[in-house]
Amino acid sequence: MSEKPPILFVKTGCPWCAEAVALLDRRQIGYRSVNVSADRAAFAEMVRLSGQDKAPVLDWHGEILADFGAAELAPFLDSRKG
């Protein structure tokens, strides 16, 4: 099974992004982190997927969770992990 890992779009210095990284790491959930601060193409992709420009944005296999904190991420993950 070679399903691609979820993508976490983050910005440099973003405390909500750091919370998201810490929560995913703590739960040992594999993901690919993409920093949009210096990557215009990645920023454009994040905006295209989420319809807004705030980070973090999680692309969970096509499901988008945008502009969230740990309080929103935990139940999102709980409802998707079997």
PDB file of N, CA and C in Angstrom:
ATOM      1  N   MET A   1       0.835  -1.187   0.000  1.00  0.00           N
ATOM      2  CA  MET A   1       0.000   0.000   0.000  1.00  0.00           C
ATOM      3  C   MET A   1       0.876   1.244   0.000  1.00  0.00           C
ATOM      4  N   SER A   2       0.896   1.968  -1.076  1.00  0.00           N
ATOM      5  CA  SER A   2       1.799   3.109  -1.184  1.00  0.00           C
ATOM      6  C   SER A   2       1.024   4.425  -1.241  1.00  0.00           C
ATOM      7  N   GLU A   3       0.072   4.569  -0.334  1.00  0.00           N
ATOM      8  CA  GLU A   3      -0.708   5.802  -0.273  1.00  0.00           C
ATOM      9  C   GLU A   3       0.211   6.949   0.138  1.00  0.00           C
ATOM     10  N   LYS A   4       0.077   8.070  -0.558  1.00  0.00           N
ATOM     11  CA  LYS A   4       0.918   9.220  -0.238  1.00  0.00           C
ATOM     12  C   LYS A   4       0.538   9.761   1.140  1.00  0.00           C
ATOM     13  N   PRO A   5       1.536  10.281   1.869  1.00  0.00           N
ATOM     14  CA  PRO A   5       1.220  10.828   3.195  1.00  0.00           C
ATOM     15  C   PRO A   5       0.430  12.135   3.070  1.00  0.00           C
ATOM     16  N   PRO A   6      -0.313  12.483   4.116  1.00  0.00           N
ATOM     17  CA  PRO A   6      -0.981  13.778   4.129  1.00  0.00           C
ATOM     18  C   PRO A   6       0.050  14.896   3.984  1.00  0.00           C
ATOM     19  N   ILE A   7      -0.389  16.035   3.480  1.00  0.00           N
ATOM     20  CA  ILE A   7       0.494  17.193   3.310  1.00  0.00           C
ATOM     21  C   ILE A   7       0.075  18.270   4.297  1.00  0.00           C
ATOM     22  N   LEU A   8       1.042  18.776   5.054  1.00  0.00           N
ATOM     23  CA  LEU A   8       0.807  19.858   5.999  1.00  0.00           C
ATOM     24  C   LEU A   8       1.508  21.106   5.474  1.00  0.00           C
ATOM     25  N   PHE A   9       0.726  22.104   5.091  1.00  0.00           N
ATOM     26  CA  PHE A   9       1.267  23.385   4.639  1.00  0.00           C
ATOM     27  C   PHE A   9       1.470  24.264   5.865  1.00  0.00           C
ATOM     28  N   VAL A  10       2.686  24.789   6.043  1.00  0.00           N
ATOM     29  CA  VAL A  10       3.032  25.597   7.208  1.00  0.00           C
ATOM     30  C   VAL A  10       3.720  26.889   6.771  1.00  0.00           C
ATOM     31  N   LYS A  11       3.780  27.832   7.710  1.00  0.00           N
ATOM     32  CA  LYS A  11       4.518  29.082   7.509  1.00  0.00           C
ATOM     33  C   LYS A  11       5.562  29.207   8.612  1.00  0.00           C
ATOM     34  N   THR A  12       6.696  29.800   8.290  1.00  0.00           N
ATOM     35  CA  THR A  12       7.763  30.032   9.253  1.00  0.00           C
ATOM     36  C   THR A  12       7.252  30.911  10.390  1.00  0.00           C
ATOM     37  N   GLY A  13       7.517  30.494  11.631  1.00  0.00           N
ATOM     38  CA  GLY A  13       7.153  31.286  12.799  1.00  0.00           C
ATOM     39  C   GLY A  13       5.692  31.192  13.200  1.00  0.00           C
ATOM     40  N   CYS A  14       4.930  30.333  12.571  1.00  0.00           N
ATOM     41  CA  CYS A  14       3.496  30.202  12.850  1.00  0.00           C
ATOM     42  C   CYS A  14       3.287  29.286  14.059  1.00  0.00           C
ATOM     43  N   PRO A  15       2.755  29.812  15.174  1.00  0.00           N
ATOM     44  CA  PRO A  15       2.574  28.971  16.362  1.00  0.00           C
ATOM     45  C   PRO A  15       1.550  27.852  16.162  1.00  0.00           C
ATOM     46  N   TRP A  16       0.519  28.093  15.360  1.00  0.00           N
ATOM     47  CA  TRP A  16      -0.484  27.058  15.083  1.00  0.00           C
ATOM     48  C   TRP A  16       0.132  25.934  14.249  1.00  0.00           C
ATOM     49  N   CYS A  17       1.045  26.310  13.357  1.00  0.00           N
ATOM     50  CA  CYS A  17       1.752  25.313  12.550  1.00  0.00           C
ATOM     51  C   CYS A  17       2.620  24.438  13.444  1.00  0.00           C
ATOM     52  N   ALA A  18       3.318  25.060  14.391  1.00  0.00           N
ATOM     53  CA  ALA A  18       4.164  24.311  15.323  1.00  0.00           C
ATOM     54  C   ALA A  18       3.314  23.359  16.163  1.00  0.00           C
ATOM     55  N   GLU A  19       2.126  23.798  16.582  1.00  0.00           N
ATOM     56  CA  GLU A  19       1.206  22.931  17.330  1.00  0.00           C
ATOM     57  C   GLU A  19       0.787  21.729  16.486  1.00  0.00           C
ATOM     58  N   ALA A  20       0.481  21.983  15.221  1.00  0.00           N
ATOM     59  CA  ALA A  20       0.040  20.908  14.322  1.00  0.00           C
ATOM     60  C   ALA A  20       1.159  19.888  14.142  1.00  0.00           C
ATOM     61  N   VAL A  21       2.379  20.354  13.919  1.00  0.00           N
ATOM     62  CA  VAL A  21       3.538  19.471  13.761  1.00  0.00           C
ATOM     63  C   VAL A  21       3.725  18.632  15.027  1.00  0.00           C
ATOM     64  N   ALA A  22       3.657  19.288  16.186  1.00  0.00           N
ATOM     65  CA  ALA A  22       3.851  18.585  17.457  1.00  0.00           C
ATOM     66  C   ALA A  22       2.781  17.512  17.659  1.00  0.00           C
ATOM     67  N   LEU A  23       1.536  17.828  17.336  1.00  0.00           N
ATOM     68  CA  LEU A  23       0.448  16.867  17.519  1.00  0.00           C
ATOM     69  C   LEU A  23       0.597  15.673  16.567  1.00  0.00           C
ATOM     70  N   LEU A  24       0.894  15.944  15.308  1.00  0.00           N
ATOM     71  CA  LEU A  24       1.093  14.856  14.346  1.00  0.00           C
ATOM     72  C   LEU A  24       2.273  13.982  14.753  1.00  0.00           C
ATOM     73  N   ASP A  25       3.366  14.615  15.188  1.00  0.00           N
ATOM     74  CA  ASP A  25       4.547  13.864  15.616  1.00  0.00           C
ATOM     75  C   ASP A  25       4.247  13.028  16.858  1.00  0.00           C
ATOM     76  N   ARG A  26       3.550  13.635  17.813  1.00  0.00           N
ATOM     77  CA  ARG A  26       3.213  12.934  19.060  1.00  0.00           C
ATOM     78  C   ARG A  26       2.357  11.694  18.772  1.00  0.00           C
ATOM     79  N   ARG A  27       1.474  11.815  17.795  1.00  0.00           N
ATOM     80  CA  ARG A  27       0.603  10.681  17.433  1.00  0.00           C
ATOM     81  C   ARG A  27       1.256   9.748  16.409  1.00  0.00           C
ATOM     82  N   GLN A  28       2.485  10.057  16.054  1.00  0.00           N
ATOM     83  CA  GLN A  28       3.259   9.251  15.101  1.00  0.00           C
ATOM     84  C   GLN A  28       2.512   9.069  13.780  1.00  0.00           C
ATOM     85  N   ILE A  29       1.955  10.171  13.294  1.00  0.00           N
ATOM     86  CA  ILE A  29       1.255  10.186  12.017  1.00  0.00           C
ATOM     87  C   ILE A  29       2.220  10.723  10.968  1.00  0.00           C
ATOM     88  N   GLY A  30       2.467   9.929   9.942  1.00  0.00           N
ATOM     89  CA  GLY A  30       3.355  10.357   8.872  1.00  0.00           C
ATOM     90  C   GLY A  30       2.704  11.450   8.033  1.00  0.00           C
ATOM     91  N   TYR A  31       3.485  12.430   7.618  1.00  0.00           N
ATOM     92  CA  TYR A  31       2.994  13.528   6.791  1.00  0.00           C
ATOM     93  C   TYR A  31       4.177  14.158   6.085  1.00  0.00           C
ATOM     94  N   ARG A  32       3.877  14.937   5.070  1.00  0.00           N
ATOM     95  CA  ARG A  32       4.915  15.710   4.377  1.00  0.00           C
ATOM     96  C   ARG A  32       4.663  17.174   4.695  1.00  0.00           C
ATOM     97  N   SER A  33       5.666  17.833   5.243  1.00  0.00           N
ATOM     98  CA  SER A  33       5.560  19.246   5.596  1.00  0.00           C
ATOM     99  C   SER A  33       6.043  20.108   4.434  1.00  0.00           C
ATOM    100  N   VAL A  34       5.240  21.104   4.069  1.00  0.00           N
ATOM    101  CA  VAL A  34       5.587  22.017   2.987  1.00  0.00           C
ATOM    102  C   VAL A  34       5.520  23.441   3.548  1.00  0.00           C
ATOM    103  N   ASN A  35       6.683  24.116   3.569  1.00  0.00           N
ATOM    104  CA  ASN A  35       6.728  25.487   4.078  1.00  0.00           C
ATOM    105  C   ASN A  35       6.428  26.449   2.931  1.00  0.00           C
ATOM    106  N   VAL A  36       5.325  27.186   3.070  1.00  0.00           N
ATOM    107  CA  VAL A  36       4.883  28.083   2.000  1.00  0.00           C
ATOM    108  C   VAL A  36       5.461  29.488   2.144  1.00  0.00           C
ATOM    109  N   SER A  37       6.235  29.736   3.190  1.00  0.00           N
ATOM    110  CA  SER A  37       6.755  31.092   3.426  1.00  0.00           C
ATOM    111  C   SER A  37       7.663  31.576   2.300  1.00  0.00           C
ATOM    112  N   ALA A  38       8.483  30.691   1.750  1.00  0.00           N
ATOM    113  CA  ALA A  38       9.429  31.109   0.718  1.00  0.00           C
ATOM    114  C   ALA A  38       9.182  30.408  -0.612  1.00  0.00           C
ATOM    115  N   ASP A  39       8.087  29.674  -0.711  1.00  0.00           N
ATOM    116  CA  ASP A  39       7.807  28.900  -1.916  1.00  0.00           C
ATOM    117  C   ASP A  39       6.480  29.365  -2.510  1.00  0.00           C
ATOM    118  N   ARG A  40       6.563  30.224  -3.521  1.00  0.00           N
ATOM    119  CA  ARG A  40       5.352  30.814  -4.107  1.00  0.00           C
ATOM    120  C   ARG A  40       4.419  29.767  -4.711  1.00  0.00           C
ATOM    121  N   ALA A  41       4.993  28.745  -5.332  1.00  0.00           N
ATOM    122  CA  ALA A  41       4.173  27.693  -5.942  1.00  0.00           C
ATOM    123  C   ALA A  41       3.424  26.907  -4.868  1.00  0.00           C
ATOM    124  N   ALA A  42       4.107  26.595  -3.769  1.00  0.00           N
ATOM    125  CA  ALA A  42       3.465  25.870  -2.668  1.00  0.00           C
ATOM    126  C   ALA A  42       2.376  26.735  -2.031  1.00  0.00           C
ATOM    127  N   PHE A  43       2.652  28.041  -1.884  1.00  0.00           N
ATOM    128  CA  PHE A  43       1.647  28.960  -1.334  1.00  0.00           C
ATOM    129  C   PHE A  43       0.418  28.984  -2.240  1.00  0.00           C
ATOM    130  N   ALA A  44       0.638  29.071  -3.541  1.00  0.00           N
ATOM    131  CA  ALA A  44      -0.472  29.088  -4.498  1.00  0.00           C
ATOM    132  C   ALA A  44      -1.267  27.787  -4.419  1.00  0.00           C
ATOM    133  N   GLU A  45      -0.589  26.665  -4.257  1.00  0.00           N
ATOM    134  CA  GLU A  45      -1.269  25.376  -4.127  1.00  0.00           C
ATOM    135  C   GLU A  45      -2.105  25.330  -2.848  1.00  0.00           C
ATOM    136  N   MET A  46      -1.552  25.845  -1.743  1.00  0.00           N
ATOM    137  CA  MET A  46      -2.291  25.884  -0.478  1.00  0.00           C
ATOM    138  C   MET A  46      -3.563  26.720  -0.630  1.00  0.00           C
ATOM    139  N   VAL A  47      -3.445  27.884  -1.264  1.00  0.00           N
ATOM    140  CA  VAL A  47      -4.604  28.759  -1.478  1.00  0.00           C
ATOM    141  C   VAL A  47      -5.620  28.080  -2.395  1.00  0.00           C
ATOM    142  N   ARG A  48      -5.139  27.420  -3.432  1.00  0.00           N
ATOM    143  CA  ARG A  48      -6.039  26.729  -4.358  1.00  0.00           C
ATOM    144  C   ARG A  48      -6.835  25.637  -3.631  1.00  0.00           C
ATOM    145  N   LEU A  49      -6.154  24.882  -2.790  1.00  0.00           N
ATOM    146  CA  LEU A  49      -6.806  23.784  -2.083  1.00  0.00           C
ATOM    147  C   LEU A  49      -7.772  24.270  -1.002  1.00  0.00           C
ATOM    148  N   SER A  50      -7.366  25.313  -0.281  1.00  0.00           N
ATOM    149  CA  SER A  50      -8.128  25.715   0.905  1.00  0.00           C
ATOM    150  C   SER A  50      -9.031  26.919   0.688  1.00  0.00           C
ATOM    151  N   GLY A  51      -8.800  27.680  -0.391  1.00  0.00           N
ATOM    152  CA  GLY A  51      -9.605  28.867  -0.640  1.00  0.00           C
ATOM    153  C   GLY A  51      -9.253  30.040   0.245  1.00  0.00           C
ATOM    154  N   GLN A  52      -8.116  29.964   0.939  1.00  0.00           N
ATOM    155  CA  GLN A  52      -7.679  31.060   1.817  1.00  0.00           C
ATOM    156  C   GLN A  52      -6.161  31.004   1.972  1.00  0.00           C
ATOM    157  N   ASP A  53      -5.585  32.028   2.650  1.00  0.00           N
ATOM    158  CA  ASP A  53      -4.123  32.113   2.699  1.00  0.00           C
ATOM    159  C   ASP A  53      -3.515  31.920   4.085  1.00  0.00           C
ATOM    160  N   LYS A  54      -4.289  31.409   5.018  1.00  0.00           N
ATOM    161  CA  LYS A  54      -3.780  31.215   6.379  1.00  0.00           C
ATOM    162  C   LYS A  54      -3.286  29.775   6.547  1.00  0.00           C
ATOM    163  N   ALA A  55      -2.257  29.632   7.371  1.00  0.00           N
ATOM    164  CA  ALA A  55      -1.706  28.311   7.676  1.00  0.00           C
ATOM    165  C   ALA A  55      -1.948  28.017   9.153  1.00  0.00           C
ATOM    166  N   PRO A  56      -1.955  26.773   9.531  1.00  0.00           N
ATOM    167  CA  PRO A  56      -1.669  25.604   8.713  1.00  0.00           C
ATOM    168  C   PRO A  56      -2.875  25.151   7.893  1.00  0.00           C
ATOM    169  N   VAL A  57      -2.568  24.383   6.860  1.00  0.00           N
ATOM    170  CA  VAL A  57      -3.577  23.700   6.051  1.00  0.00           C
ATOM    171  C   VAL A  57      -3.134  22.249   5.932  1.00  0.00           C
ATOM    172  N   LEU A  58      -4.051  21.341   6.214  1.00  0.00           N
ATOM    173  CA  LEU A  58      -3.763  19.921   6.104  1.00  0.00           C
ATOM    174  C   LEU A  58      -4.568  19.341   4.944  1.00  0.00           C
ATOM    175  N   ASP A  59      -3.856  18.723   4.008  1.00  0.00           N
ATOM    176  CA  ASP A  59      -4.503  17.997   2.920  1.00  0.00           C
ATOM    177  C   ASP A  59      -4.446  16.518   3.288  1.00  0.00           C
ATOM    178  N   TRP A  60      -5.552  16.025   3.841  1.00  0.00           N
ATOM    179  CA  TRP A  60      -5.639  14.645   4.314  1.00  0.00           C
ATOM    180  C   TRP A  60      -6.276  13.812   3.216  1.00  0.00           C
ATOM    181  N   HIS A  61      -5.457  13.401   2.255  1.00  0.00           N
ATOM    182  CA  HIS A  61      -5.925  12.561   1.149  1.00  0.00           C
ATOM    183  C   HIS A  61      -7.132  13.181   0.444  1.00  0.00           C
ATOM    184  N   GLY A  62      -7.042  14.487   0.198  1.00  0.00           N
ATOM    185  CA  GLY A  62      -8.107  15.185  -0.521  1.00  0.00           C
ATOM    186  C   GLY A  62      -9.089  15.911   0.374  1.00  0.00           C
ATOM    187  N   GLU A  63      -9.111  15.595   1.655  1.00  0.00           N
ATOM    188  CA  GLU A  63      -9.932  16.350   2.611  1.00  0.00           C
ATOM    189  C   GLU A  63      -9.079  17.499   3.129  1.00  0.00           C
ATOM    190  N   ILE A  64      -9.619  18.699   3.104  1.00  0.00           N
ATOM    191  CA  ILE A  64      -8.843  19.881   3.489  1.00  0.00           C
ATOM    192  C   ILE A  64      -9.317  20.409   4.835  1.00  0.00           C
ATOM    193  N   LEU A  65      -8.377  20.562   5.755  1.00  0.00           N
ATOM    194  CA  LEU A  65      -8.612  21.235   7.034  1.00  0.00           C
ATOM    195  C   LEU A  65      -7.759  22.494   7.000  1.00  0.00           C
ATOM    196  N   ALA A  66      -8.416  23.660   7.035  1.00  0.00           N
ATOM    197  CA  ALA A  66      -7.699  24.918   6.831  1.00  0.00           C
ATOM    198  C   ALA A  66      -7.751  25.803   8.069  1.00  0.00           C
ATOM    199  N   ASP A  67      -6.651  26.554   8.268  1.00  0.00           N
ATOM    200  CA  ASP A  67      -6.572  27.578   9.310  1.00  0.00           C
ATOM    201  C   ASP A  67      -7.087  27.043  10.637  1.00  0.00           C
ATOM    202  N   PHE A  68      -6.374  26.055  11.185  1.00  0.00           N
ATOM    203  CA  PHE A  68      -6.843  25.367  12.384  1.00  0.00           C
ATOM    204  C   PHE A  68      -5.805  25.412  13.490  1.00  0.00           C
ATOM    205  N   GLY A  69      -6.248  25.081  14.680  1.00  0.00           N
ATOM    206  CA  GLY A  69      -5.370  24.886  15.822  1.00  0.00           C
ATOM    207  C   GLY A  69      -5.485  23.455  16.295  1.00  0.00           C
ATOM    208  N   ALA A  70      -4.758  23.127  17.349  1.00  0.00           N
ATOM    209  CA  ALA A  70      -4.761  21.756  17.873  1.00  0.00           C
ATOM    210  C   ALA A  70      -6.163  21.335  18.296  1.00  0.00           C
ATOM    211  N   ALA A  71      -6.975  22.280  18.774  1.00  0.00           N
ATOM    212  CA  ALA A  71      -8.336  21.958  19.221  1.00  0.00           C
ATOM    213  C   ALA A  71      -9.203  21.450  18.072  1.00  0.00           C
ATOM    214  N   GLU A  72      -8.921  21.892  16.852  1.00  0.00           N
ATOM    215  CA  GLU A  72      -9.663  21.404  15.678  1.00  0.00           C
ATOM    216  C   GLU A  72      -8.988  20.176  15.066  1.00  0.00           C
ATOM    217  N   LEU A  73      -7.664  20.115  15.154  1.00  0.00           N
ATOM    218  CA  LEU A  73      -6.935  19.016  14.526  1.00  0.00           C
ATOM    219  C   LEU A  73      -7.181  17.685  15.231  1.00  0.00           C
ATOM    220  N   ALA A  74      -7.185  17.676  16.554  1.00  0.00           N
ATOM    221  CA  ALA A  74      -7.332  16.420  17.297  1.00  0.00           C
ATOM    222  C   ALA A  74      -8.622  15.682  16.928  1.00  0.00           C
ATOM    223  N   PRO A  75      -9.799  16.329  16.959  1.00  0.00           N
ATOM    224  CA  PRO A  75     -11.011  15.587  16.579  1.00  0.00           C
ATOM    225  C   PRO A  75     -11.035  15.211  15.101  1.00  0.00           C
ATOM    226  N   PHE A  76     -10.432  16.029  14.243  1.00  0.00           N
ATOM    227  CA  PHE A  76     -10.336  15.699  12.823  1.00  0.00           C
ATOM    228  C   PHE A  76      -9.567  14.388  12.661  1.00  0.00           C
ATOM    229  N   LEU A  77      -8.429  14.270  13.350  1.00  0.00           N
ATOM    230  CA  LEU A  77      -7.619  13.058  13.264  1.00  0.00           C
ATOM    231  C   LEU A  77      -8.345  11.870  13.891  1.00  0.00           C
ATOM    232  N   ASP A  78      -8.983  12.110  15.028  1.00  0.00           N
ATOM    233  CA  ASP A  78      -9.690  11.024  15.731  1.00  0.00           C
ATOM    234  C   ASP A  78     -10.750  10.398  14.852  1.00  0.00           C
ATOM    235  N   SER A  79     -11.424  11.200  14.047  1.00  0.00           N
ATOM    236  CA  SER A  79     -12.508  10.683  13.212  1.00  0.00           C
ATOM    237  C   SER A  79     -11.988  10.009  11.936  1.00  0.00           C
ATOM    238  N   ARG A  80     -10.682  10.087  11.682  1.00  0.00           N
ATOM    239  CA  ARG A  80     -10.135   9.509  10.453  1.00  0.00           C
ATOM    240  C   ARG A  80      -9.175   8.353  10.699  1.00  0.00           C
ATOM    241  N   LYS A  81      -8.757   8.154  11.906  1.00  0.00           N
ATOM    242  CA  LYS A  81      -7.837   7.048  12.200  1.00  0.00           C
ATOM    243  C   LYS A  81      -8.646   5.863  12.717  1.00  0.00           C
ATOM    244  N   GLY A  82      -8.469   4.716  12.057  1.00  0.00           N
ATOM    245  CA  GLY A  82      -9.219   3.534  12.453  1.00  0.00           C
ATOM    246  C   GLY A  82      -8.537   2.826  13.563  1.00  0.00           C
TER     247      GLY A  82
END
